[in-house]
Amino acid sequence: MSQGQFTAPAPINAPVVSYPRGSAARIRLEAEVARQRREGFELRPRIGATRPATGREHPIACPHAHREVLGRAFFADAADTEAAIAAARAAKPEWAALPWTERAAVFLRAAGLLAGKYRDRINAATILGQSKTAHQAEIDAACELLDFWTFNVLYFERLMADQPLSPTGTWNRLEPRPLDGFVLAITPFNFTAIAGNLPTAPALCGNTVLWKPASTALPSAAVILEILDEAGLPPGVINLLPGSGSEIAGVALRSPEFGGLHFTGSTEVFQSVWETIGRNIRSYRQYPRLVGETGGKDFVVAHASADLEVLVAALVRGAFEYQGQKCSAASRAYIPSNLWPELRTRLADEIATIRVGDPCDAANFMGALIDGKSFARVRQAIDEARSRVGQGVVEVLGGHCDDTEGWFVHPTVIVVDDPRYRTMREELYGPVLSIYVYPEDAFAAVLEECDRGSDYALTGSILATDRRAIAAAIERLRFSAGNFYVNDKPTGAVVGQQPFGGGRASGTNDKAGSLWNLSRWVSFRAIKENFAPPRSWRYDFMDDPDAG
């Protein structure tokens, strides 16, 4: 074994490839999209060193061309989950015993592969499987995942470097051990980077993992698995289990070896899983670590002094990029009456120009919703708003829906005169922005309403040029968002710059892409070594002649 005190490579945020039309980068990406469409995908469970073809074969759909089948997946069942638990158990001793530098090297190599030969492959898989434009795929599947894999190594090194004081004659040490059991990672469809980070962050810390990916994001999961295999990740460290979340989680959460949950998904599912863990709490070998990032009803508050140009850009990008299917997407806005007339005109004009369609077409700003269930939920909310004009709703701008070829919903603005109207409170996960216009002199009151108007507390922003208004919003909305932005849209957190996570119904706020998240995947042992131990049980004061 090599000896030495090693330092992690200094990470930098991955540069974004812009893919302009006609560029060499764009031509390569389009060729890769065509190849994947032609050759298709096949995803099987990964259990230890095996990839069984189970009896549960499911088609992999394309959201923006829902008649197109991209490939097939073989779903895992309860028996496969039990086998994955056994594989994780078998792999753990050797993986946990590896020097941290050897574990880190796997993910640094994975980052190198992703930056090179796999960049087009993972972006193309994300475009096809999750209906992201080239830009949205690039900033997510390539850049953010690269950042997770490189910055996490630095953060783990810092975690180990935080050591206690050692007075003369003693040596105190703090040892970060992996959790006592396996970690279950349940990942969402909307960010390939999250799908790659949730299983690998605990693995870097020495844990072994069961990874249940979203059934609507399997092509990119297949590419992540290829990258990790080529990077040298040993069998059994991360076991991939596509399939029914309730079935797979049901088995995993019954196991006495369940040690932790790394989750991104809906608030309702996370609460249900937490309830199940609570019912099973007496059966576990340890109290499980629960880390969850869930929903959001993310806000933009504009002050009367806000720059209109900045406000329009923040609302359009914040609400409609990736079809509003970001947990951080701007979905409610509070606009002062002095800005509203011009803002309404500008928003109506802008959303009318936004092109929606196949994300492979560089002219399209938006693709499709992820599946028919999401499409139906969003369309129902838009139709309901149109039927409620005069009953809490003032008007609906945009909102065209078309499921003929793909699950397409055009940008929608719902203007309300009731700040507690449904779409101001409930997460829709679609391109729907609800706007409440408030009297321009009622800024303090609207901050109160913003804080109380939703159960979520993920992201939010204040747009103002008056510094007093900015300071007031920062203070009053202190607990309303885990990520808060000043004169910017409430999306686009970057690893190493804005650690991400929210409170209240939005999750446990353990800040993905930070030292604080990694600290949840270790169980510290404090070691004290005494170089001059006492030789008598008696204390000096006991020999005081005046004592007694």
Protein backbone atom coordinates (compact mmCIF):
# COMPACT_ATOMS: atom_id res chain seq x y z
CA MET A 1 0.00 0.00 0.00
CA SER A 2 1.34 3.44 -0.90
CA GLN A 3 2.11 5.77 1.99
CA GLY A 4 1.72 9.53 2.10
CA GLN A 5 -0.65 12.37 2.80
CA PHE A 6 -2.33 13.04 -0.51
CA THR A 7 -4.25 16.09 -1.66
CA ALA A 8 -7.28 15.93 -3.94
CA PRO A 9 -6.96 17.62 -7.33
CA ALA A 10 -8.35 21.15 -7.21
CA PRO A 11 -11.73 21.04 -9.00
CA ILE A 12 -13.09 23.71 -11.28
CA ASN A 13 -16.63 24.03 -12.59
CA ALA A 14 -16.91 22.29 -15.94
CA PRO A 15 -17.06 24.71 -18.89
CA VAL A 16 -20.35 24.66 -20.78
CA VAL A 17 -20.35 23.66 -24.45
CA SER A 18 -22.87 25.92 -26.22
CA TYR A 19 -23.65 23.72 -29.29
CA PRO A 20 -24.41 26.52 -31.77
CA ARG A 21 -26.06 25.37 -34.99
CA GLY A 22 -23.54 24.28 -37.59
CA SER A 23 -20.68 23.93 -35.10
CA ALA A 24 -18.56 20.79 -34.95
CA ALA A 25 -19.86 20.12 -31.43
CA ARG A 26 -23.47 20.34 -32.61
CA ILE A 27 -22.84 18.05 -35.58
CA ARG A 28 -21.24 15.43 -33.31
CA LEU A 29 -24.12 15.61 -30.86
CA GLU A 30 -26.75 15.29 -33.59
CA ALA A 31 -24.91 12.29 -35.01
CA GLU A 32 -24.91 10.67 -31.57
CA VAL A 33 -28.64 11.34 -31.15
CA ALA A 34 -29.27 9.69 -34.54
CA ARG A 35 -27.11 6.70 -33.59
CA GLN A 36 -28.93 6.17 -30.30
CA ARG A 37 -32.30 6.47 -32.01
CA ARG A 38 -31.19 3.91 -34.57
CA GLU A 39 -29.53 1.41 -32.24
CA GLY A 40 -31.73 1.87 -29.16
CA PHE A 41 -31.14 1.15 -25.49
CA GLU A 42 -31.32 -1.91 -23.32
CA LEU A 43 -31.11 -1.60 -19.56
CA ARG A 44 -30.94 -4.54 -17.19
CA PRO A 45 -30.56 -4.59 -13.43
CA ARG A 46 -26.97 -4.53 -12.22
CA ILE A 47 -26.66 -6.89 -9.24
CA GLY A 48 -23.08 -7.47 -8.23
CA ALA A 49 -21.32 -8.65 -11.37
CA THR A 50 -24.52 -9.90 -13.03
CA ARG A 51 -27.03 -8.20 -15.33
CA PRO A 52 -30.03 -10.49 -15.39
CA ALA A 53 -32.70 -10.27 -18.08
CA THR A 54 -35.76 -10.47 -15.83
CA GLY A 55 -39.21 -11.43 -17.01
CA ARG A 56 -40.46 -7.86 -16.68
CA GLU A 57 -39.69 -6.17 -19.98
CA HIS A 58 -40.82 -2.55 -20.41
CA PRO A 59 -40.49 -0.18 -23.36
CA ILE A 60 -38.45 2.99 -22.99
CA ALA A 61 -40.50 5.88 -24.37
CA CYS A 62 -39.55 9.17 -25.99
CA PRO A 63 -41.53 12.07 -24.43
CA HIS A 64 -41.53 14.30 -27.51
CA ALA A 65 -42.42 11.43 -29.86
CA HIS A 66 -44.41 9.12 -27.64
CA ARG A 67 -45.01 6.56 -30.37
CA GLU A 68 -41.26 6.12 -30.67
CA VAL A 69 -39.75 3.33 -28.56
CA LEU A 70 -36.14 4.07 -27.67
CA GLY A 71 -35.43 0.61 -26.32
CA ARG A 72 -36.35 -1.71 -23.52
CA ALA A 73 -35.68 -2.12 -19.83
CA PHE A 74 -35.90 -5.20 -17.66
CA PHE A 75 -37.45 -4.31 -14.32
CA ALA A 76 -36.23 -5.78 -11.06
CA ASP A 77 -38.56 -7.46 -8.58
CA ALA A 78 -38.48 -8.32 -4.88
CA ALA A 79 -36.12 -11.27 -5.38
CA ASP A 80 -33.73 -9.08 -7.38
CA THR A 81 -33.78 -6.53 -4.57
CA GLU A 82 -32.88 -9.20 -2.01
CA ALA A 83 -30.05 -10.31 -4.29
CA ALA A 84 -28.83 -6.71 -4.58
CA ILE A 85 -28.79 -6.38 -0.78
CA ALA A 86 -26.65 -9.51 -0.62
CA ALA A 87 -24.33 -8.16 -3.33
CA ALA A 88 -23.95 -4.87 -1.45
CA ARG A 89 -23.18 -6.75 1.74
CA ALA A 90 -20.54 -8.88 0.03
CA ALA A 91 -18.83 -5.94 -1.66
CA LYS A 92 -18.73 -3.63 1.33
CA PRO A 93 -15.77 -4.91 3.40
CA GLU A 94 -13.26 -4.63 0.56
CA TRP A 95 -14.67 -1.35 -0.76
CA ALA A 96 -14.77 0.31 2.67
CA ALA A 97 -11.23 -0.91 3.43
CA LEU A 98 -9.78 0.74 0.32
CA PRO A 99 -7.80 3.93 1.01
CA TRP A 100 -10.05 6.89 0.32
CA THR A 101 -7.75 7.96 -2.49
CA GLU A 102 -8.47 4.71 -4.35
CA ARG A 103 -12.21 5.19 -4.03
CA ALA A 104 -11.86 8.83 -5.09
CA ALA A 105 -9.81 7.81 -8.12
CA VAL A 106 -12.76 5.83 -9.49
CA PHE A 107 -14.98 8.91 -9.56
CA LEU A 108 -12.24 11.21 -10.82
CA ARG A 109 -11.68 8.77 -13.66
CA ALA A 110 -15.44 8.71 -14.26
CA ALA A 111 -15.35 12.51 -14.52
CA GLY A 112 -12.57 12.29 -17.07
CA LEU A 113 -14.51 9.80 -19.15
CA LEU A 114 -17.63 11.94 -18.96
CA ALA A 115 -15.74 15.04 -20.07
CA GLY A 116 -14.38 13.16 -23.08
CA LYS A 117 -15.76 10.10 -24.86
CA TYR A 118 -19.07 9.99 -22.96
CA ARG A 119 -20.08 13.66 -23.11
CA ASP A 120 -22.09 13.38 -26.34
CA ARG A 121 -23.47 10.01 -25.28
CA ILE A 122 -24.91 11.16 -21.98
CA ASN A 123 -26.23 14.40 -23.46
CA ALA A 124 -27.90 12.55 -26.33
CA ALA A 125 -29.46 10.03 -23.93
CA THR A 126 -30.80 12.91 -21.81
CA ILE A 127 -32.20 14.69 -24.87
CA LEU A 128 -33.99 11.57 -26.07
CA GLY A 129 -35.12 10.08 -22.80
CA GLN A 130 -35.92 13.23 -20.84
CA SER A 131 -36.73 15.70 -23.66
CA LYS A 132 -34.07 18.24 -22.77
CA THR A 133 -32.64 20.68 -25.27
CA ALA A 134 -28.92 20.43 -25.99
CA HIS A 135 -28.23 23.34 -23.64
CA GLN A 136 -30.31 21.92 -20.79
CA ALA A 137 -28.71 18.49 -21.25
CA GLU A 138 -25.21 19.98 -21.31
CA ILE A 139 -25.54 22.02 -18.11
CA ASP A 140 -27.10 19.03 -16.34
CA ALA A 141 -25.90 15.68 -17.62
CA ALA A 142 -22.37 16.76 -18.49
CA CYS A 143 -21.36 19.82 -16.46
CA GLU A 144 -23.20 19.33 -13.16
CA LEU A 145 -22.42 15.63 -12.97
CA LEU A 146 -18.76 16.40 -13.69
CA ASP A 147 -18.85 18.92 -10.86
CA PHE A 148 -20.43 16.47 -8.43
CA TRP A 149 -17.79 13.83 -9.11
CA THR A 150 -14.83 16.21 -8.81
CA PHE A 151 -15.98 18.52 -6.01
CA ASN A 152 -17.18 15.63 -3.84
CA VAL A 153 -13.60 14.32 -3.70
CA LEU A 154 -12.40 17.69 -2.41
CA TYR A 155 -15.23 17.85 0.13
CA PHE A 156 -14.50 14.36 1.43
CA GLU A 157 -10.85 15.31 1.91
CA ARG A 158 -11.95 18.37 3.89
CA LEU A 159 -14.31 16.23 5.95
CA MET A 160 -11.43 13.99 7.01
CA ALA A 161 -9.14 16.95 7.70
CA ASP A 162 -11.38 18.32 10.46
CA GLN A 163 -9.68 16.73 13.46
CA PRO A 164 -10.02 17.38 17.22
CA LEU A 165 -7.47 18.97 19.55
CA SER A 166 -4.83 16.73 21.14
CA PRO A 167 -3.33 18.07 24.40
CA THR A 168 0.21 17.04 25.31
CA GLY A 169 0.33 13.34 26.10
CA THR A 170 -2.71 12.35 24.04
CA TRP A 171 -3.60 11.86 20.39
CA ASN A 172 -7.26 12.41 19.49
CA ARG A 173 -8.45 11.27 16.10
CA LEU A 174 -11.79 11.37 14.30
CA GLU A 175 -12.36 8.55 11.83
CA PRO A 176 -15.13 8.80 9.20
CA ARG A 177 -16.54 5.31 8.77
CA PRO A 178 -19.22 4.27 6.27
CA LEU A 179 -22.69 3.64 7.61
CA ASP A 180 -23.47 0.27 9.13
CA GLY A 181 -25.52 -1.14 6.24
CA PHE A 182 -26.42 -0.21 2.67
CA VAL A 183 -27.76 3.06 1.28
CA LEU A 184 -30.88 3.19 -0.89
CA ALA A 185 -30.68 5.91 -3.58
CA ILE A 186 -33.95 6.86 -5.27
CA THR A 187 -33.37 9.29 -8.13
CA PRO A 188 -35.65 11.53 -10.25
CA PHE A 189 -36.14 11.95 -14.00
CA ASN A 190 -35.47 15.65 -14.25
CA PHE A 191 -31.72 15.84 -13.59
CA THR A 192 -29.24 13.29 -14.88
CA ALA A 193 -26.67 14.85 -12.55
CA ILE A 194 -28.82 14.08 -9.50
CA ALA A 195 -29.25 10.52 -10.75
CA GLY A 196 -25.47 10.22 -10.92
CA ASN A 197 -24.76 11.94 -7.61
CA LEU A 198 -27.22 10.28 -5.26
CA PRO A 199 -25.67 6.78 -5.49
CA THR A 200 -22.05 7.89 -5.93
CA ALA A 201 -21.76 10.38 -3.04
CA PRO A 202 -22.41 7.65 -0.42
CA ALA A 203 -20.19 5.24 -2.39
CA LEU A 204 -17.26 7.67 -2.24
CA CYS A 205 -17.61 7.57 1.56
CA GLY A 206 -17.20 3.76 1.57
CA ASN A 207 -20.85 2.72 1.45
CA THR A 208 -22.45 0.24 -0.92
CA VAL A 209 -25.67 1.29 -2.60
CA LEU A 210 -28.95 0.11 -4.12
CA TRP A 211 -29.87 2.57 -6.88
CA LYS A 212 -33.49 2.84 -7.99
CA PRO A 213 -33.57 5.24 -10.99
CA ALA A 214 -36.70 6.94 -12.32
CA SER A 215 -38.42 4.76 -14.91
CA THR A 216 -38.67 7.84 -17.16
CA ALA A 217 -34.89 8.43 -17.21
CA LEU A 218 -33.43 5.04 -18.06
CA PRO A 219 -31.32 5.87 -21.16
CA SER A 220 -29.14 8.30 -19.18
CA ALA A 221 -28.98 5.82 -16.27
CA ALA A 222 -27.61 3.23 -18.68
CA VAL A 223 -24.84 5.62 -19.75
CA ILE A 224 -23.95 6.47 -16.13
CA LEU A 225 -23.60 2.76 -15.45
CA GLU A 226 -21.29 2.35 -18.45
CA ILE A 227 -19.10 5.21 -17.24
CA LEU A 228 -18.79 3.80 -13.73
CA ASP A 229 -17.97 0.35 -15.07
CA GLU A 230 -15.20 1.72 -17.29
CA ALA A 231 -13.91 3.87 -14.43
CA GLY A 232 -13.28 0.70 -12.42
CA LEU A 233 -16.11 0.69 -9.89
CA PRO A 234 -16.06 -2.83 -8.37
CA PRO A 235 -19.15 -5.04 -8.74
CA GLY A 236 -21.63 -4.76 -5.89
CA VAL A 237 -20.72 -1.22 -4.85
CA ILE A 238 -23.64 0.33 -6.77
CA ASN A 239 -26.42 -2.08 -7.68
CA LEU A 240 -28.90 -0.75 -10.24
CA LEU A 241 -32.55 -1.72 -9.81
CA PRO A 242 -34.94 -0.29 -12.43
CA GLY A 243 -38.56 -1.02 -11.67
CA SER A 244 -41.40 -0.24 -9.30
CA GLY A 245 -40.32 2.13 -6.57
CA SER A 246 -42.84 0.78 -4.07
CA GLU A 247 -41.77 -2.82 -4.65
CA ILE A 248 -38.02 -2.19 -4.53
CA ALA A 249 -38.19 0.25 -1.62
CA GLY A 250 -40.61 -2.06 0.20
CA VAL A 251 -38.00 -4.82 0.29
CA ALA A 252 -35.07 -2.50 1.02
CA LEU A 253 -36.81 -0.72 3.89
CA ARG A 254 -37.68 -4.02 5.58
CA SER A 255 -34.05 -5.11 5.70
CA PRO A 256 -32.24 -4.81 9.05
CA GLU A 257 -29.22 -3.73 7.00
CA PHE A 258 -30.92 -0.58 5.69
CA GLY A 259 -28.57 2.23 6.70
CA GLY A 260 -29.64 5.32 4.80
CA LEU A 261 -31.83 6.89 2.13
CA HIS A 262 -30.62 9.38 -0.48
CA PHE A 263 -33.76 10.63 -2.17
CA THR A 264 -34.94 13.19 -4.68
CA GLY A 265 -38.58 13.09 -5.71
CA SER A 266 -42.02 14.16 -4.59
CA THR A 267 -42.89 15.29 -1.08
CA GLU A 268 -45.69 12.74 -0.90
CA VAL A 269 -43.39 9.80 -1.70
CA PHE A 270 -40.70 10.98 0.71
CA GLN A 271 -43.21 11.34 3.52
CA SER A 272 -44.58 7.87 2.78
CA VAL A 273 -41.09 6.37 2.83
CA TRP A 274 -40.29 8.17 6.08
CA GLU A 275 -43.48 6.76 7.63
CA THR A 276 -42.47 3.25 6.57
CA ILE A 277 -39.02 3.71 8.09
CA GLY A 278 -40.63 4.93 11.29
CA ARG A 279 -42.78 1.82 11.51
CA ASN A 280 -39.71 -0.37 10.97
CA ILE A 281 -37.36 1.58 13.21
CA ARG A 282 -36.94 -1.16 15.84
CA SER A 283 -35.73 -3.65 13.26
CA TYR A 284 -32.70 -1.71 11.98
CA ARG A 285 -29.13 -2.21 13.14
CA GLN A 286 -28.75 1.58 13.33
CA TYR A 287 -30.91 4.66 13.01
CA PRO A 288 -30.96 5.24 9.24
CA ARG A 289 -29.76 8.50 7.76
CA LEU A 290 -32.57 10.16 5.78
CA VAL A 291 -31.60 12.75 3.19
CA GLY A 292 -34.32 14.04 0.90
CA GLU A 293 -34.82 16.85 -1.57
CA THR A 294 -38.46 16.98 -2.57
CA GLY A 295 -40.82 19.52 -4.07
CA GLY A 296 -40.90 23.26 -4.47
CA LYS A 297 -43.32 26.08 -5.10
CA ASP A 298 -40.60 28.51 -5.93
CA PHE A 299 -41.19 32.23 -5.95
CA VAL A 300 -40.11 35.47 -7.51
CA VAL A 301 -40.93 38.61 -5.55
CA ALA A 302 -40.53 41.84 -7.51
CA HIS A 303 -40.28 45.18 -5.75
CA ALA A 304 -41.56 48.40 -7.32
CA SER A 305 -37.93 49.32 -8.05
CA ALA A 306 -37.17 46.14 -10.03
CA ASP A 307 -35.51 46.42 -13.44
CA LEU A 308 -38.18 45.31 -15.91
CA GLU A 309 -35.74 43.77 -18.39
CA VAL A 310 -34.12 41.68 -15.65
CA LEU A 311 -37.54 40.67 -14.34
CA VAL A 312 -38.79 39.45 -17.73
CA ALA A 313 -35.66 37.36 -18.30
CA ALA A 314 -35.82 35.88 -14.79
CA LEU A 315 -39.48 34.91 -15.16
CA VAL A 316 -39.21 33.40 -18.64
CA ARG A 317 -36.06 31.43 -17.98
CA GLY A 318 -36.98 30.56 -14.42
CA ALA A 319 -40.47 29.32 -15.25
CA PHE A 320 -40.14 27.74 -18.68
CA GLU A 321 -36.66 26.26 -19.12
CA TYR A 322 -36.96 22.48 -19.26
CA GLN A 323 -40.74 22.89 -19.38
CA GLY A 324 -40.84 23.96 -15.73
CA GLN A 325 -39.82 20.46 -14.68
CA LYS A 326 -37.21 21.65 -12.24
CA CYS A 327 -37.80 21.46 -8.52
CA SER A 328 -36.41 25.01 -8.46
CA ALA A 329 -38.55 26.40 -11.30
CA ALA A 330 -40.26 29.74 -10.75
CA SER A 331 -43.92 28.86 -10.45
CA ARG A 332 -45.38 31.79 -8.47
CA ALA A 333 -44.58 35.47 -8.75
CA TYR A 334 -45.62 38.55 -6.81
CA ILE A 335 -45.58 41.61 -9.08
CA PRO A 336 -46.16 45.25 -7.98
CA SER A 337 -48.96 47.11 -9.65
CA ASN A 338 -46.68 49.81 -11.09
CA LEU A 339 -44.76 47.22 -13.17
CA TRP A 340 -47.64 44.98 -14.14
CA PRO A 341 -49.13 46.71 -17.23
CA GLU A 342 -45.85 46.74 -19.13
CA LEU A 343 -44.77 43.37 -17.76
CA ARG A 344 -48.03 41.78 -18.89
CA THR A 345 -47.47 43.02 -22.44
CA ARG A 346 -43.87 41.87 -22.44
CA LEU A 347 -44.69 38.42 -21.06
CA ALA A 348 -47.52 37.87 -23.55
CA ASP A 349 -45.22 38.88 -26.40
CA GLU A 350 -42.30 36.77 -25.20
CA ILE A 351 -44.19 33.53 -24.56
CA ALA A 352 -45.82 33.82 -27.97
CA THR A 353 -42.35 33.61 -29.55
CA ILE A 354 -41.12 30.59 -27.57
CA ARG A 355 -40.82 27.54 -29.79
CA VAL A 356 -41.91 24.20 -28.37
CA GLY A 357 -41.17 20.84 -29.99
CA ASP A 358 -38.53 18.19 -30.57
CA PRO A 359 -35.51 19.25 -28.44
CA CYS A 360 -33.20 17.92 -31.15
CA ASP A 361 -34.21 20.99 -33.19
CA ALA A 362 -31.90 23.79 -32.08
CA ALA A 363 -34.62 26.41 -32.64
CA ASN A 364 -36.83 24.96 -29.89
CA PHE A 365 -36.56 26.44 -26.41
CA MET A 366 -38.77 23.79 -24.82
CA GLY A 367 -39.38 20.09 -25.30
CA ALA A 368 -42.14 17.84 -23.96
CA LEU A 369 -43.34 16.94 -20.50
CA ILE A 370 -41.94 13.67 -19.28
CA ASP A 371 -45.02 11.46 -19.73
CA GLY A 372 -48.78 11.33 -20.24
CA LYS A 373 -49.54 11.46 -16.53
CA SER A 374 -47.67 14.76 -16.16
CA PHE A 375 -49.31 16.13 -19.30
CA ALA A 376 -52.79 15.32 -18.02
CA ARG A 377 -52.12 16.90 -14.61
CA VAL A 378 -50.84 20.16 -16.08
CA ARG A 379 -53.54 20.40 -18.76
CA GLN A 380 -56.23 19.86 -16.13
CA ALA A 381 -54.87 22.73 -14.03
CA ILE A 382 -54.79 25.05 -17.07
CA ASP A 383 -58.32 24.09 -18.10
CA GLU A 384 -59.55 24.60 -14.55
CA ALA A 385 -57.95 28.06 -14.41
CA ARG A 386 -59.70 29.06 -17.64
CA SER A 387 -63.00 27.93 -16.16
CA ARG A 388 -62.35 29.97 -12.99
CA VAL A 389 -61.85 33.35 -14.62
CA GLY A 390 -63.69 35.78 -12.34
CA GLN A 391 -63.42 33.35 -9.42
CA GLY A 392 -59.88 33.93 -8.24
CA VAL A 393 -58.41 33.91 -11.76
CA VAL A 394 -58.09 37.09 -13.83
CA GLU A 395 -56.85 35.59 -17.11
CA VAL A 396 -54.73 32.83 -18.66
CA LEU A 397 -52.01 33.68 -21.18
CA GLY A 398 -50.73 30.97 -23.53
CA GLY A 399 -51.33 27.44 -22.32
CA HIS A 400 -51.80 25.53 -25.57
CA CYS A 401 -51.61 21.76 -25.01
CA ASP A 402 -51.07 19.12 -27.70
CA ASP A 403 -50.43 15.42 -27.12
CA THR A 404 -50.77 14.31 -30.75
CA GLU A 405 -47.08 13.47 -31.19
CA GLY A 406 -45.52 14.32 -27.83
CA TRP A 407 -46.51 15.58 -24.40
CA PHE A 408 -46.30 19.27 -25.32
CA VAL A 409 -47.55 22.12 -23.13
CA HIS A 410 -46.74 25.65 -24.22
CA PRO A 411 -45.72 28.39 -21.75
CA THR A 412 -48.63 29.41 -19.55
CA VAL A 413 -49.18 32.42 -17.31
CA ILE A 414 -52.12 32.32 -14.91
CA VAL A 415 -52.92 35.75 -13.46
CA VAL A 416 -54.82 35.54 -10.18
CA ASP A 417 -56.41 37.99 -7.79
CA ASP A 418 -56.43 35.40 -5.00
CA PRO A 419 -52.87 34.74 -3.75
CA ARG A 420 -54.04 31.42 -2.30
CA TYR A 421 -55.46 30.17 -5.59
CA ARG A 422 -54.50 26.52 -6.20
CA THR A 423 -51.75 27.13 -8.73
CA MET A 424 -50.10 29.62 -6.36
CA ARG A 425 -49.79 26.89 -3.72
CA GLU A 426 -49.53 23.49 -5.41
CA GLU A 427 -46.57 22.18 -7.35
CA LEU A 428 -47.54 21.33 -10.95
CA TYR A 429 -44.14 20.47 -12.44
CA GLY A 430 -44.91 22.04 -15.78
CA PRO A 431 -44.49 25.33 -17.68
CA VAL A 432 -47.06 27.22 -15.63
CA LEU A 433 -46.30 30.53 -13.91
CA SER A 434 -48.94 31.99 -11.60
CA ILE A 435 -48.80 35.73 -10.96
CA TYR A 436 -50.41 37.76 -8.19
CA VAL A 437 -50.39 41.53 -8.69
CA TYR A 438 -50.13 43.44 -5.41
CA PRO A 439 -50.46 47.18 -4.63
CA GLU A 440 -47.01 48.65 -5.07
CA ASP A 441 -47.07 50.16 -1.57
CA ALA A 442 -47.85 46.77 0.04
CA PHE A 443 -44.37 45.25 -0.21
CA ALA A 444 -44.14 44.25 3.46
CA ALA A 445 -47.54 42.55 3.29
CA VAL A 446 -46.63 40.62 0.15
CA LEU A 447 -43.46 39.30 1.81
CA GLU A 448 -45.68 37.92 4.57
CA GLU A 449 -47.97 36.36 1.97
CA CYS A 450 -45.06 34.82 0.09
CA ASP A 451 -43.76 33.18 3.26
CA ARG A 452 -47.16 31.83 4.35
CA GLY A 453 -48.52 31.01 0.90
CA SER A 454 -46.82 27.64 0.43
CA ASP A 455 -45.71 24.65 2.46
CA TYR A 456 -42.48 24.47 0.46
CA ALA A 457 -39.20 26.30 1.04
CA LEU A 458 -36.80 25.35 -1.73
CA THR A 459 -35.83 28.38 -3.86
CA GLY A 460 -36.90 31.96 -4.30
CA SER A 461 -35.67 35.33 -5.46
CA ILE A 462 -36.07 39.04 -4.91
CA LEU A 463 -35.80 41.48 -7.80
CA ALA A 464 -35.22 45.09 -6.77
CA THR A 465 -32.80 47.96 -7.17
CA ASP A 466 -33.78 49.51 -3.83
CA ARG A 467 -31.28 48.04 -1.34
CA ARG A 468 -33.71 48.47 1.55
CA ALA A 469 -36.19 46.22 -0.24
CA ILE A 470 -33.50 43.60 -0.87
CA ALA A 471 -32.48 43.64 2.79
CA ALA A 472 -36.09 43.37 3.92
CA ALA A 473 -36.74 40.39 1.63
CA ILE A 474 -33.56 38.60 2.71
CA GLU A 475 -34.60 38.94 6.34
CA ARG A 476 -38.35 38.26 6.08
CA LEU A 477 -37.96 35.33 3.69
CA ARG A 478 -35.11 33.78 5.67
CA PHE A 479 -36.90 30.46 6.13
CA SER A 480 -38.90 30.57 2.88
CA ALA A 481 -36.12 29.19 0.67
CA GLY A 482 -32.98 27.13 1.18
CA ASN A 483 -31.51 28.75 -1.93
CA PHE A 484 -32.23 32.47 -2.26
CA TYR A 485 -31.32 34.68 -5.21
CA VAL A 486 -31.02 38.45 -5.55
CA ASN A 487 -31.80 39.88 -9.00
CA ASP A 488 -31.71 36.48 -10.64
CA LYS A 489 -34.01 33.61 -11.47
CA PRO A 490 -34.46 31.02 -8.69
CA THR A 491 -32.88 28.18 -10.71
CA GLY A 492 -29.38 27.19 -11.80
CA ALA A 493 -27.49 26.32 -8.59
CA VAL A 494 -23.89 25.38 -9.38
CA VAL A 495 -21.88 22.81 -7.42
CA GLY A 496 -19.18 24.59 -5.42
CA GLN A 497 -21.04 27.90 -5.64
CA GLN A 498 -24.59 27.43 -4.34
CA PRO A 499 -25.01 24.21 -2.28
CA PHE A 500 -28.55 23.09 -3.02
CA GLY A 501 -31.47 22.12 -0.80
CA GLY A 502 -34.49 23.48 1.01
CA GLY A 503 -36.49 23.08 4.18
CA ARG A 504 -40.09 22.72 5.28
CA ALA A 505 -41.88 20.42 2.80
CA SER A 506 -38.98 20.73 0.36
CA GLY A 507 -36.66 18.36 2.17
CA THR A 508 -33.98 17.91 4.81
CA ASN A 509 -31.74 20.70 3.39
CA ASP A 510 -28.55 18.62 3.46
CA LYS A 511 -27.10 20.61 0.54
CA ALA A 512 -26.20 18.35 -2.37
CA GLY A 513 -22.73 19.01 -3.71
CA SER A 514 -21.24 20.05 -0.37
CA LEU A 515 -19.28 18.78 2.61
CA TRP A 516 -22.49 18.81 4.65
CA ASN A 517 -24.14 16.26 2.37
CA LEU A 518 -21.14 13.93 2.50
CA SER A 519 -21.11 14.13 6.30
CA ARG A 520 -24.47 12.32 6.27
CA TRP A 521 -22.89 9.24 4.69
CA VAL A 522 -20.27 8.64 7.35
CA SER A 523 -20.50 7.60 10.98
CA PHE A 524 -17.63 9.10 12.93
CA ARG A 525 -15.56 7.22 15.47
CA ALA A 526 -13.55 9.24 17.98
CA ILE A 527 -10.29 7.60 19.06
CA LYS A 528 -8.27 8.76 22.07
CA GLU A 529 -4.79 7.43 22.63
CA ASN A 530 -3.13 8.26 25.96
CA PHE A 531 0.69 8.25 25.91
CA ALA A 532 1.00 8.82 29.65
CA PRO A 533 -1.90 6.93 31.25
CA PRO A 534 -2.47 7.20 35.02
CA ARG A 535 -1.09 4.38 37.14
CA SER A 536 -3.39 4.82 40.10
CA TRP A 537 -7.06 5.29 40.47
CA ARG A 538 -6.50 7.90 43.18
CA TYR A 539 -6.61 11.64 42.42
CA ASP A 540 -4.06 14.07 43.90
CA PHE A 541 -6.66 15.94 45.94
CA MET A 542 -7.39 12.73 47.83
CA ASP A 543 -3.93 12.96 49.47
CA ASP A 544 -4.60 16.47 50.86
CA PRO A 545 -3.87 16.29 54.61
CA ASP A 546 -6.68 18.78 55.29
CA ALA A 547 -9.22 16.69 53.39
CA GLY A 548 -11.90 15.09 55.53
